[in-house]
Protein backbone atom coordinates (compact mmCIF):
# COMPACT_ATOMS: atom_id res chain seq x y z
CA MET A 1 27.12 -6.43 -11.13
CA ASP A 2 29.52 -3.60 -11.95
CA GLY A 3 27.71 -0.51 -13.14
CA ILE A 4 24.42 -1.45 -11.45
CA GLU A 5 22.70 1.34 -9.58
CA ARG A 6 22.44 -0.26 -6.14
CA PRO A 7 19.92 0.88 -3.54
CA ALA A 8 21.46 1.99 -0.25
CA ARG A 9 21.54 -0.52 2.60
CA LEU A 10 17.95 -0.44 3.82
CA THR A 11 15.95 -1.55 6.81
CA VAL A 12 13.46 -4.13 5.59
CA GLY A 13 10.07 -5.18 6.92
CA VAL A 14 8.39 -8.33 5.61
CA VAL A 15 4.61 -8.58 5.82
CA GLY A 16 3.79 -12.24 5.47
CA THR A 17 6.48 -14.82 6.23
CA GLY A 18 5.04 -17.59 4.12
CA ARG A 19 7.31 -19.46 1.74
CA VAL A 20 7.90 -16.46 -0.53
CA GLY A 21 8.19 -13.68 2.06
CA SER A 22 10.60 -15.51 4.34
CA VAL A 23 12.94 -16.49 1.51
CA LEU A 24 12.82 -13.10 -0.18
CA GLY A 25 13.60 -11.46 3.16
CA ALA A 26 16.55 -13.80 3.64
CA ALA A 27 17.77 -13.05 0.11
CA LEU A 28 17.63 -9.31 0.78
CA GLN A 29 19.48 -9.84 4.03
CA ARG A 30 22.16 -11.85 2.23
CA ALA A 31 22.51 -8.92 -0.18
CA GLY A 32 23.37 -6.65 2.75
CA HIS A 33 20.04 -5.14 3.74
CA HIS A 34 18.78 -5.39 7.32
CA VAL A 35 15.52 -7.26 7.93
CA VAL A 36 14.39 -5.69 11.18
CA ALA A 37 10.77 -6.79 11.50
CA VAL A 38 8.34 -9.35 10.12
CA SER A 39 4.71 -10.29 10.60
CA ALA A 40 3.98 -13.96 11.25
CA VAL A 41 0.64 -15.32 12.41
CA SER A 42 0.70 -19.11 11.99
CA ASP A 43 3.06 -21.47 13.77
CA ALA A 44 4.60 -22.39 10.41
CA SER A 45 5.26 -18.74 9.60
CA ARG A 46 6.85 -18.12 12.97
CA GLU A 47 9.05 -21.17 12.53
CA ARG A 48 10.19 -19.98 9.09
CA ALA A 49 10.89 -16.50 10.42
CA ALA A 50 12.95 -17.91 13.29
CA ARG A 51 14.92 -20.14 10.93
CA LEU A 52 15.54 -17.78 7.99
CA LEU A 53 15.32 -14.35 9.68
CA PRO A 54 16.42 -14.99 13.27
CA ASP A 55 17.39 -11.36 13.99
CA ALA A 56 14.06 -9.88 12.92
CA ALA A 57 11.45 -8.92 15.48
CA ILE A 58 8.01 -10.45 15.00
CA GLY A 59 5.29 -7.84 15.28
CA ASP A 60 1.94 -6.57 14.07
CA ILE A 61 1.70 -5.41 10.46
CA PRO A 62 1.52 -1.65 11.23
CA ASP A 63 4.62 -1.91 13.41
CA VAL A 64 6.49 -3.79 10.66
CA VAL A 65 5.60 -1.08 8.13
CA ASP A 66 6.49 1.75 10.50
CA THR A 67 10.02 0.46 11.13
CA ALA A 68 11.06 -0.26 7.53
CA GLU A 69 12.48 1.74 4.64
CA LEU A 70 11.72 -1.18 2.29
CA VAL A 71 8.45 -3.01 2.90
CA VAL A 72 7.86 -6.41 1.28
CA LEU A 73 4.20 -7.40 1.01
CA ALA A 74 4.13 -11.17 0.51
CA VAL A 75 0.44 -11.89 1.06
CA PRO A 76 -2.22 -13.70 -1.03
CA ASP A 77 -3.42 -11.84 -4.12
CA ASP A 78 -6.93 -11.25 -2.80
CA ALA A 79 -5.62 -9.86 0.51
CA LEU A 80 -3.19 -7.41 -1.07
CA GLY A 81 -5.60 -4.64 -2.06
CA PRO A 82 -7.42 -4.44 1.28
CA LEU A 83 -4.09 -4.52 3.12
CA VAL A 84 -2.62 -1.61 1.14
CA GLN A 85 -5.82 0.40 1.50
CA GLY A 86 -6.10 -0.31 5.21
CA LEU A 87 -2.56 0.87 5.89
CA ALA A 88 -3.24 4.02 3.86
CA THR A 89 -6.43 4.72 5.78
CA THR A 90 -4.62 4.40 9.10
CA GLY A 91 -1.71 6.59 7.97
CA HIS A 92 1.14 4.08 8.05
CA TRP A 93 2.72 4.75 4.63
CA ARG A 94 5.61 7.23 4.48
CA ARG A 95 6.89 9.34 1.63
CA SER A 96 9.91 7.77 -0.18
CA GLN A 97 9.34 4.38 1.46
CA LEU A 98 9.96 1.53 -1.00
CA VAL A 99 6.96 -0.79 -1.12
CA VAL A 100 7.36 -4.10 -2.95
CA HIS A 101 4.64 -6.66 -3.51
CA THR A 102 5.36 -10.18 -4.79
CA SER A 103 2.04 -10.89 -6.54
CA GLY A 104 2.21 -12.12 -10.11
CA ARG A 105 -1.34 -11.12 -10.93
CA HIS A 106 -1.14 -7.54 -9.68
CA GLY A 107 0.92 -4.68 -11.03
CA LEU A 108 1.01 -1.11 -9.74
CA ALA A 109 -2.72 -0.37 -9.57
CA VAL A 110 -3.11 -2.31 -6.33
CA LEU A 111 -0.47 -0.05 -4.72
CA GLU A 112 -2.18 3.23 -5.68
CA PRO A 113 -3.40 4.03 -2.13
CA ALA A 114 0.22 3.80 -0.93
CA ALA A 115 1.61 5.66 -3.96
CA TYR A 116 -0.81 8.49 -3.21
CA GLU A 117 0.98 8.84 0.13
CA GLY A 118 4.33 9.21 -1.65
CA VAL A 119 5.80 5.72 -1.48
CA VAL A 120 7.80 4.19 -4.33
CA PRO A 121 5.61 1.31 -5.64
CA LEU A 122 7.34 -1.76 -7.07
CA ALA A 123 5.84 -5.06 -8.29
CA LEU A 124 8.51 -7.80 -8.16
CA HIS A 125 7.23 -11.32 -8.78
CA PRO A 126 9.67 -14.25 -8.55
CA ALA A 127 8.93 -16.81 -11.26
CA MET A 128 9.74 -19.88 -9.21
CA THR A 129 8.15 -22.33 -6.82
CA PHE A 130 9.16 -21.90 -3.18
CA THR A 131 9.59 -24.49 -0.46
CA GLY A 132 10.25 -21.92 2.27
CA SER A 133 13.64 -23.45 3.05
CA ALA A 134 17.24 -22.29 2.77
CA ALA A 135 17.53 -24.31 -0.46
CA ASP A 136 15.42 -21.61 -2.14
CA LEU A 137 18.22 -19.10 -1.60
CA ASP A 138 20.37 -21.06 -4.04
CA ARG A 139 17.54 -21.49 -6.53
CA ILE A 140 16.49 -17.85 -6.50
CA VAL A 141 19.73 -16.79 -8.21
CA GLU A 142 18.65 -18.84 -11.24
CA CYS A 143 15.16 -17.38 -11.56
CA CYS A 144 13.61 -14.39 -13.29
CA PHE A 145 11.47 -11.73 -11.60
CA GLY A 146 8.56 -10.10 -13.39
CA VAL A 147 9.23 -6.38 -12.77
CA THR A 148 6.68 -3.58 -13.04
CA ALA A 149 7.42 -0.09 -11.72
CA PRO A 150 6.93 3.57 -12.62
CA GLU A 151 9.41 4.36 -15.38
CA GLU A 152 11.35 6.76 -13.16
CA TYR A 153 11.92 3.94 -10.64
CA ARG A 154 12.62 1.14 -13.11
CA ALA A 155 16.36 1.17 -12.35
CA VAL A 156 15.66 0.89 -8.61
CA ALA A 157 13.31 -2.06 -9.13
CA GLU A 158 15.77 -3.86 -11.36
CA ALA A 159 18.64 -3.18 -8.95
CA VAL A 160 16.75 -4.81 -6.06
CA VAL A 161 16.34 -7.97 -8.17
CA LEU A 162 19.92 -7.95 -9.41
CA GLU A 163 21.24 -7.50 -5.87
CA ILE A 164 19.75 -10.79 -4.75
CA GLY A 165 21.26 -12.48 -7.80
CA ALA A 166 18.13 -12.95 -9.92
CA GLU A 167 17.26 -11.61 -13.38
CA PRO A 168 14.71 -8.78 -13.82
CA VAL A 169 12.30 -9.06 -16.77
CA TRP A 170 10.15 -6.02 -17.53
CA ILE A 171 6.38 -6.66 -17.63
CA ALA A 172 4.07 -3.83 -18.70
CA GLU A 173 1.23 -3.02 -16.31
CA ALA A 174 -1.39 -4.01 -18.89
CA ASP A 175 0.27 -7.41 -19.40
CA ARG A 176 0.60 -8.37 -15.76
CA ALA A 177 -2.40 -10.74 -15.54
CA THR A 178 -1.53 -12.39 -18.87
CA TYR A 179 2.05 -12.90 -17.70
CA HIS A 180 0.81 -14.56 -14.52
CA ALA A 181 -1.66 -16.78 -16.39
CA ALA A 182 1.19 -18.08 -18.55
CA LEU A 183 3.29 -18.97 -15.51
CA ALA A 184 0.39 -20.63 -13.69
CA HIS A 185 -0.55 -22.62 -16.79
CA GLY A 186 3.02 -23.80 -17.32
CA SER A 187 3.87 -24.66 -13.72
CA ASN A 188 0.73 -25.40 -11.70
CA HIS A 189 -0.90 -27.46 -14.44
CA LEU A 190 2.35 -29.32 -15.03
CA VAL A 191 2.15 -30.57 -11.44
CA THR A 192 -1.39 -31.84 -12.09
CA LEU A 193 -0.32 -33.50 -15.35
CA ILE A 194 2.63 -35.33 -13.79
CA ALA A 195 0.61 -36.39 -10.74
CA GLN A 196 -2.07 -37.83 -13.05
CA ALA A 197 0.51 -39.71 -15.14
CA MET A 198 2.06 -41.22 -11.99
CA GLN A 199 -1.40 -42.23 -10.76
CA VAL A 200 -2.20 -44.02 -14.02
CA LEU A 201 1.16 -45.79 -14.06
CA ALA A 202 0.68 -46.89 -10.46
CA SER A 203 -2.69 -48.40 -11.43
CA THR A 204 -0.84 -50.75 -13.81
CA GLY A 205 1.46 -51.98 -11.03
CA VAL A 206 4.53 -49.92 -11.88
CA PRO A 207 6.34 -49.79 -8.51
CA GLN A 208 8.14 -46.46 -9.02
CA PRO A 209 6.13 -44.27 -11.40
CA ASP A 210 8.39 -41.30 -10.72
CA ARG A 211 11.47 -43.30 -11.73
CA MET A 212 9.86 -44.33 -15.00
CA LEU A 213 8.60 -40.85 -15.86
CA ARG A 214 11.60 -38.76 -14.87
CA PRO A 215 13.87 -39.30 -17.91
CA LEU A 216 10.93 -38.92 -20.29
CA VAL A 217 9.43 -35.77 -18.84
CA GLU A 218 12.79 -34.10 -18.16
CA ALA A 219 13.78 -34.62 -21.79
CA ALA A 220 10.36 -33.45 -23.00
CA LEU A 221 10.53 -30.32 -20.84
CA ASP A 222 14.04 -29.49 -21.99
CA ASN A 223 13.12 -30.02 -25.66
CA ALA A 224 9.95 -27.95 -25.32
CA LEU A 225 11.82 -25.07 -23.69
CA ARG A 226 14.41 -25.18 -26.47
CA SER A 227 12.16 -25.78 -29.49
CA GLY A 228 8.52 -25.10 -28.59
CA ASP A 229 6.04 -26.93 -30.85
CA ALA A 230 8.92 -28.45 -32.84
CA ALA A 231 9.60 -30.77 -29.88
CA LEU A 232 6.22 -32.50 -30.24
CA THR A 233 6.17 -36.28 -30.58
CA GLY A 234 3.59 -39.01 -29.95
CA PRO A 235 0.38 -40.37 -31.47
CA VAL A 236 -1.39 -37.04 -31.94
CA ALA A 237 1.56 -35.57 -33.85
CA ARG A 238 1.65 -38.73 -36.01
CA GLY A 239 -2.07 -38.63 -36.72
CA ASP A 240 -2.50 -42.06 -35.09
CA VAL A 241 -6.21 -41.95 -34.31
CA GLY A 242 -6.35 -45.65 -33.38
CA THR A 243 -3.88 -45.17 -30.55
CA VAL A 244 -5.73 -42.09 -29.29
CA GLU A 245 -9.01 -44.04 -29.26
CA VAL A 246 -7.40 -46.85 -27.24
CA HIS A 247 -6.05 -44.28 -24.79
CA LEU A 248 -9.49 -42.76 -24.35
CA ASP A 249 -11.05 -46.18 -23.76
CA GLN A 250 -8.49 -47.11 -21.11
CA LEU A 251 -8.55 -43.76 -19.33
CA ARG A 252 -12.32 -44.08 -18.78
CA ARG A 253 -11.36 -46.54 -16.04
CA GLN A 254 -9.36 -43.86 -14.19
CA GLU A 255 -10.57 -40.91 -12.13
CA PRO A 256 -12.71 -38.56 -14.27
CA ASP A 257 -10.23 -35.69 -14.07
CA VAL A 258 -7.60 -37.77 -15.92
CA LEU A 259 -9.77 -38.39 -18.99
CA MET A 260 -10.93 -34.77 -18.99
CA ALA A 261 -7.35 -33.50 -18.95
CA TYR A 262 -6.22 -35.98 -21.64
CA ARG A 263 -9.04 -34.88 -23.96
CA ALA A 264 -8.35 -31.17 -23.44
CA LEU A 265 -4.57 -31.44 -23.86
CA ALA A 266 -4.72 -33.83 -26.82
CA LEU A 267 -7.20 -31.53 -28.56
CA ALA A 268 -4.94 -28.52 -27.98
CA THR A 269 -1.98 -30.60 -29.20
CA ALA A 270 -3.79 -31.52 -32.42
CA GLN A 271 -4.77 -27.94 -33.09
CA ARG A 272 -1.23 -26.65 -32.48
CA ALA A 273 0.27 -29.44 -34.60
CA VAL A 274 -1.94 -28.44 -37.53
CA ALA A 275 -1.26 -24.72 -37.06
CA SER A 276 2.51 -25.31 -36.97
CA GLY A 277 2.45 -27.53 -40.07
CA ARG A 278 3.43 -30.71 -38.22
CA LEU A 279 0.16 -32.55 -38.83
CA ARG A 280 -1.95 -32.59 -41.98
CA GLU A 281 -5.49 -31.41 -41.42
CA ASP A 282 -7.00 -34.54 -42.97
CA LEU A 283 -5.13 -36.65 -40.39
CA ALA A 284 -6.06 -34.34 -37.54
CA LEU A 285 -9.83 -34.32 -38.16
CA PRO A 286 -10.47 -37.96 -37.09
CA ILE A 287 -8.45 -37.35 -33.90
CA ILE A 288 -10.36 -34.17 -33.14
CA ASP A 289 -13.66 -36.00 -33.73
CA ALA A 290 -12.65 -38.79 -31.34
CA LEU A 291 -11.60 -36.32 -28.67
CA GLN A 292 -14.82 -34.32 -28.91
CA GLU A 293 -17.23 -37.27 -28.62
């Protein structure tokens, strides 16, 4: 990290000690900052705060903001705007205060009421799934953060991310929602896909569906990350309409969401295979017809 413009050691307040806020606070503390106050409402949040940030006082949100030079807002997307506006209305933002939110969907626009009061607005979204445990502190050093900040504060935003050991990736304000949609599609829907596959395997009597799937899906994920569409295998890529029709017939016996997801993903697979030159259009058309019945 030689040559990085490091922020000074700061007092930190964390608003929202859910899985993300508690771990990010602990990561900042490990980097040498001082987490002095947090807000925690639920029993689970209080337990996380006590475990990961034991020296921080638990207080009301205005008190947390008032005591901190760096404020981390780790609240749900829909709550972020009203929270920022409410604190502006009640006069709790201070000039030169660093205000970080962790939302993937939002960029800087949601922080405008605070920026109007002179704060430094930073959008720093960690592209990882959190458990809210100390194990996340090891995983966070391997992840990227989607960074959006005013150009004059870009170096500060990137330095905060680098200090905790992660990698900053610049996301333009206009691209923020698209960026978040990509991450949600790739991670959240992957969970649904794998859970469905395990459910279908279990219905055939496979005793450990996770054991059977793990080598296959880990290899598929690694190949896809390395090669994109070139990693595609299976009946759709081969133009094997008979196999696809058998799959559809069998999956009608499962929960409706499984068949719906198979149809949608197989159709997208066929279309991408044609577009990338991996499947002839004449072989794709019967598959597409079967999937759209």
